[in-house]
Structure formats: structure tokens, C-alpha cells
Amino acid sequence: MGHDPATGAELWRWSTWNPQKIGHWRLVTSPVGGDGIVLACAPKREPIYAFKASGKGVLGESDIAWITNDDARKEVSSDVCTPAFYKGRFFIVNGYRQSIACVEPATGKVLWDQRIEPPDVRLQKIESSPTVADGKLYVMDHRGTVIVVAAADKFELLGINQMGSDQEQEVRSTIALANGHLLIRSNGKLYCVGKKF
């Protein structure tokens, strides 16, 4: 649903990303908006739906700007990770594939969709949401491996940092930002990365 931020009045609603009414599906991601488009992510490798934020009442097919179910976008999906919007682009993490896509909001054009395959590092499933700041995107896998890529129209892997222990499993925390610092939490430790106070 979309609401007026000043009054809370409902502006529009849409249903459903689950037309088959599959009972065991759950919704983990939050909607995210930018440049007049709102993304709603279906679970379990199903499509992402992009809506025009200017809609009114019960939304229909004409209010959908694009869906990631065609050949050009079929791998752009998000089961658990909430996409990020930054400087006119959506950044969407596919945790099953360990991939990140950069998508143009108005058209759904995929500027890049890149699997993260660093040398000497085997990534695990990703269920944390991406954090974007200062031209960089940060995301962490189940073992506490932090991946840093350029939040730009061209893919660039900037770094891989192991923040979890060798025994770390199922790290799902999203990296937080505070006063120019990154707060990174594995299952056993909390790190503050940045200049000393």
C-alpha cells in the first residue's frame, strides 16, 4: 500500500505477488522507492514488480512499470534482501546466486548483473540487505564476508573482507551507518569501521 506521509491516508494498494496463493511463502523484503517507482519483491526466486508511485486506488496492470520475469531480467530477483536505491539506481542482491544487479528505475533496464566470484573466497548465501554510502555498496554473506562494490553504472569489485570467524554460519545482519562509520555485526562480534573518534 502507498500512504500520504502527512496524513497517513491510503493512496493506493496492489495485490498480489502470489497469484497462486502458495500458503508457505513468506515476505521478508521491504518495499523500496526511488524516482517515482516502488519495488515489491516476491520470494523464492520469483519476480520483482515495479509500480508507478503516482497510482491511485486499487492498482492494475497499467500501473506496473515493469516486472523482472523476461529473459533480460530473469536472474534479477530478491528472496530476502531488500533492494537499495542510490543516486537514481536500484541495487538488487540475489542471495541465491551471490549476485548484484544495477537497474534503471523508469525502464527496468539492467545496467549490470554480476555474480561475485572473488579469487580464493567461496561466498555463502546472502540474506543481509545492501547498504549504500559514499559511492559504495556493502553486503555480507552467511559467513560474515563483507563484499564492497562500486555503486555506479559500471560494475567494480572494490573489496572482500572476512569479518566472521571460520565457524560463522547464517549471519544475516545488514551493515548500518552512523557518523561516517560502518557498524558490522557477525553472530559473535560487533565491529565499528572508520576513523577513531
Protein backbone atom coordinates (compact mmCIF):
# COMPACT_ATOMS: atom_id res chain seq x y z
CA MET A 1 0.00 0.00 0.00
CA GLY A 2 1.03 3.61 -0.53
CA HIS A 3 0.13 6.26 2.06
CA ASP A 4 0.21 10.04 2.28
CA PRO A 5 3.14 10.79 4.64
CA ALA A 6 1.41 13.85 6.10
CA THR A 7 -1.96 12.28 6.95
CA GLY A 8 -1.48 8.52 6.70
CA ALA A 9 -4.37 8.30 4.24
CA GLU A 10 -4.16 5.34 1.88
CA LEU A 11 -3.40 6.43 -1.69
CA TRP A 12 -3.19 3.06 -3.42
CA ARG A 13 -2.89 -0.68 -2.92
CA TRP A 14 -1.87 -3.63 -5.04
CA SER A 15 -2.30 -7.37 -4.79
CA THR A 16 -0.68 -9.78 -5.34
CA TRP A 17 2.80 -11.12 -5.96
CA ASN A 18 1.40 -14.53 -5.00
CA PRO A 19 -1.37 -15.17 -7.57
CA GLN A 20 -1.16 -18.95 -7.00
CA LYS A 21 -1.88 -18.35 -3.26
CA ILE A 22 1.05 -20.53 -2.14
CA GLY A 23 0.50 -20.77 1.61
CA HIS A 24 4.06 -21.35 2.80
CA TRP A 25 5.50 -18.28 1.08
CA ARG A 26 6.62 -15.50 3.38
CA LEU A 27 7.52 -11.91 2.65
CA VAL A 28 10.85 -10.75 4.10
CA THR A 29 11.87 -7.78 1.95
CA SER A 30 10.52 -4.28 2.47
CA PRO A 31 9.24 -2.18 -0.42
CA VAL A 32 11.70 0.44 -1.64
CA GLY A 33 11.05 3.51 -3.76
CA GLY A 34 13.00 5.93 -5.91
CA ASP A 35 12.49 8.17 -8.93
CA GLY A 36 8.71 7.63 -8.86
CA ILE A 37 8.96 3.82 -8.83
CA VAL A 38 8.24 1.42 -5.95
CA LEU A 39 9.65 -2.12 -5.95
CA ALA A 40 7.83 -5.07 -4.39
CA CYS A 41 9.90 -8.29 -4.31
CA ALA A 42 8.24 -11.69 -4.40
CA PRO A 43 10.05 -14.51 -2.53
CA LYS A 44 11.74 -17.71 -3.67
CA ARG A 45 13.34 -16.51 -6.94
CA GLU A 46 10.05 -15.07 -8.17
CA PRO A 47 9.86 -11.69 -9.99
CA ILE A 48 10.25 -8.17 -8.72
CA TYR A 49 7.32 -5.86 -9.52
CA ALA A 50 7.92 -2.17 -10.21
CA PHE A 51 5.00 0.21 -9.69
CA LYS A 52 4.42 3.82 -10.54
CA ALA A 53 4.24 5.65 -7.19
CA SER A 54 1.67 8.07 -8.63
CA GLY A 55 -1.09 5.44 -8.77
CA LYS A 56 -4.50 5.90 -7.13
CA GLY A 57 -6.93 3.37 -5.63
CA VAL A 58 -6.56 -0.33 -6.45
CA LEU A 59 -3.66 -0.70 -8.87
CA GLY A 60 -3.98 -2.79 -12.01
CA GLU A 61 -1.82 -3.94 -14.89
CA SER A 62 -1.45 -0.41 -16.29
CA ASP A 63 0.20 0.74 -13.05
CA ILE A 64 3.01 -1.82 -13.32
CA ALA A 65 6.07 -0.17 -14.86
CA TRP A 66 7.98 -3.44 -15.34
CA ILE A 67 8.45 -6.98 -14.00
CA THR A 68 11.66 -9.00 -13.84
CA ASN A 69 10.23 -12.10 -15.48
CA ASP A 70 11.59 -11.70 -19.00
CA ASP A 71 14.81 -13.20 -20.42
CA ALA A 72 16.81 -9.98 -19.92
CA ARG A 73 15.95 -9.75 -16.21
CA LYS A 74 15.06 -13.28 -15.09
CA GLU A 75 18.05 -13.56 -12.70
CA VAL A 76 17.25 -10.20 -11.08
CA SER A 77 15.37 -11.38 -8.01
CA SER A 78 15.47 -10.93 -4.26
CA ASP A 79 14.20 -13.50 -1.79
CA VAL A 80 15.30 -11.90 1.50
CA CYS A 81 17.49 -8.84 0.73
CA THR A 82 15.66 -5.51 0.49
CA PRO A 83 16.96 -3.62 -2.59
CA ALA A 84 18.69 -0.26 -2.17
CA PHE A 85 18.07 2.97 -4.07
CA TYR A 86 21.07 5.28 -4.58
CA LYS A 87 21.69 8.17 -6.99
CA GLY A 88 18.99 7.20 -9.48
CA ARG A 89 19.61 3.44 -9.47
CA PHE A 90 18.19 0.36 -7.76
CA PHE A 91 20.77 -2.13 -6.49
CA ILE A 92 19.27 -5.61 -6.10
CA VAL A 93 21.03 -8.52 -4.37
CA ASN A 94 20.13 -12.07 -5.39
CA GLY A 95 21.26 -14.05 -2.35
CA TYR A 96 20.93 -17.46 -4.02
CA ARG A 97 23.30 -16.52 -6.85
CA GLN A 98 25.52 -14.21 -4.75
CA SER A 99 24.95 -11.56 -7.39
CA ILE A 100 24.17 -7.85 -7.51
CA ALA A 101 22.26 -6.01 -10.24
CA CYS A 102 22.15 -2.30 -11.04
CA VAL A 103 18.76 -1.38 -12.51
CA GLU A 104 17.35 1.79 -14.08
CA PRO A 105 14.12 2.68 -12.21
CA ALA A 106 11.94 4.01 -15.03
CA THR A 107 12.51 1.20 -17.52
CA GLY A 108 13.86 -1.73 -15.50
CA LYS A 109 16.87 -1.85 -17.80
CA VAL A 110 19.62 -3.92 -16.18
CA LEU A 111 22.84 -1.91 -16.44
CA TRP A 112 24.76 -4.81 -14.96
CA ASP A 113 24.06 -8.09 -13.17
CA GLN A 114 27.23 -9.56 -11.74
CA ARG A 115 27.92 -12.70 -9.74
CA ILE A 116 30.51 -12.05 -7.04
CA GLU A 117 33.23 -14.64 -7.60
CA PRO A 118 36.38 -13.39 -5.87
CA PRO A 119 39.55 -15.50 -6.08
CA ASP A 120 40.26 -17.70 -3.02
CA VAL A 121 36.88 -16.91 -1.41
CA ARG A 122 33.80 -19.11 -1.61
CA LEU A 123 30.79 -16.99 -0.77
CA GLN A 124 27.78 -18.37 1.06
CA LYS A 125 24.13 -17.42 0.64
CA ILE A 126 23.41 -13.72 1.21
CA GLU A 127 20.42 -12.70 3.31
CA SER A 128 21.55 -9.28 4.52
CA SER A 129 20.29 -6.22 2.68
CA PRO A 130 22.72 -3.96 0.83
CA THR A 131 23.87 -0.72 2.44
CA VAL A 132 24.95 2.11 0.13
CA ALA A 133 27.01 5.19 1.02
CA ASP A 134 29.84 7.28 -0.38
CA GLY A 135 29.62 5.61 -3.80
CA LYS A 136 29.98 2.10 -2.35
CA LEU A 137 27.63 -0.81 -1.78
CA TYR A 138 28.24 -3.12 1.17
CA VAL A 139 26.63 -6.53 1.73
CA MET A 140 27.51 -9.55 3.86
CA ASP A 141 27.12 -13.30 3.32
CA HIS A 142 26.23 -16.03 5.84
CA ARG A 143 29.88 -16.42 6.92
CA GLY A 144 30.36 -12.73 7.66
CA THR A 145 32.20 -11.99 4.42
CA VAL A 146 31.71 -8.32 3.55
CA ILE A 147 31.56 -7.57 -0.18
CA VAL A 148 32.19 -3.99 -1.34
CA VAL A 149 31.32 -2.91 -4.89
CA ALA A 150 31.07 0.45 -6.61
CA ALA A 151 27.52 1.83 -6.53
CA ALA A 152 27.84 3.01 -10.12
CA ASP A 153 26.67 2.31 -13.66
CA LYS A 154 29.68 0.04 -14.22
CA PHE A 155 30.44 -2.97 -12.04
CA GLU A 156 33.62 -2.81 -9.99
CA LEU A 157 34.53 -5.10 -7.09
CA LEU A 158 36.30 -2.91 -4.53
CA GLY A 159 36.95 -5.35 -1.72
CA ILE A 160 36.26 -8.57 0.15
CA ASN A 161 36.71 -8.61 3.93
CA GLN A 162 36.18 -11.57 6.25
CA MET A 163 34.54 -10.25 9.42
CA GLY A 164 33.18 -13.54 10.75
CA SER A 165 35.09 -16.44 12.29
CA ASP A 166 35.83 -19.72 10.49
CA GLN A 167 32.89 -21.30 12.31
CA GLU A 168 30.47 -18.46 11.49
CA GLN A 169 27.15 -19.52 9.96
CA GLU A 170 23.93 -17.82 8.94
CA VAL A 171 24.99 -14.21 9.51
CA ARG A 172 22.02 -12.17 8.35
CA SER A 173 22.65 -8.69 9.74
CA THR A 174 22.60 -5.65 7.49
CA ILE A 175 25.52 -3.24 7.80
CA ALA A 176 24.49 0.01 9.49
CA LEU A 177 25.86 3.54 9.07
CA ALA A 178 26.50 6.07 11.84
CA ASN A 179 28.61 9.26 11.83
CA GLY A 180 30.78 8.17 8.92
CA HIS A 181 31.34 4.69 10.36
CA LEU A 182 30.20 1.21 9.35
CA LEU A 183 28.70 -0.99 12.06
CA ILE A 184 29.19 -4.62 11.07
CA ARG A 185 27.75 -7.40 13.23
CA SER A 186 28.58 -11.06 12.86
CA ASN A 187 26.96 -13.60 15.17
CA GLY A 188 29.75 -13.19 17.72
CA LYS A 189 31.17 -9.67 17.34
CA LEU A 190 30.28 -6.08 16.55
CA TYR A 191 32.82 -4.05 14.54
CA CYS A 192 32.96 -0.28 14.08
CA VAL A 193 34.92 0.56 10.92
CA GLY A 194 36.11 4.10 10.25
CA LYS A 195 38.26 6.84 11.73
CA LYS A 196 38.76 6.66 15.51
CA PHE A 197 36.57 9.02 17.50
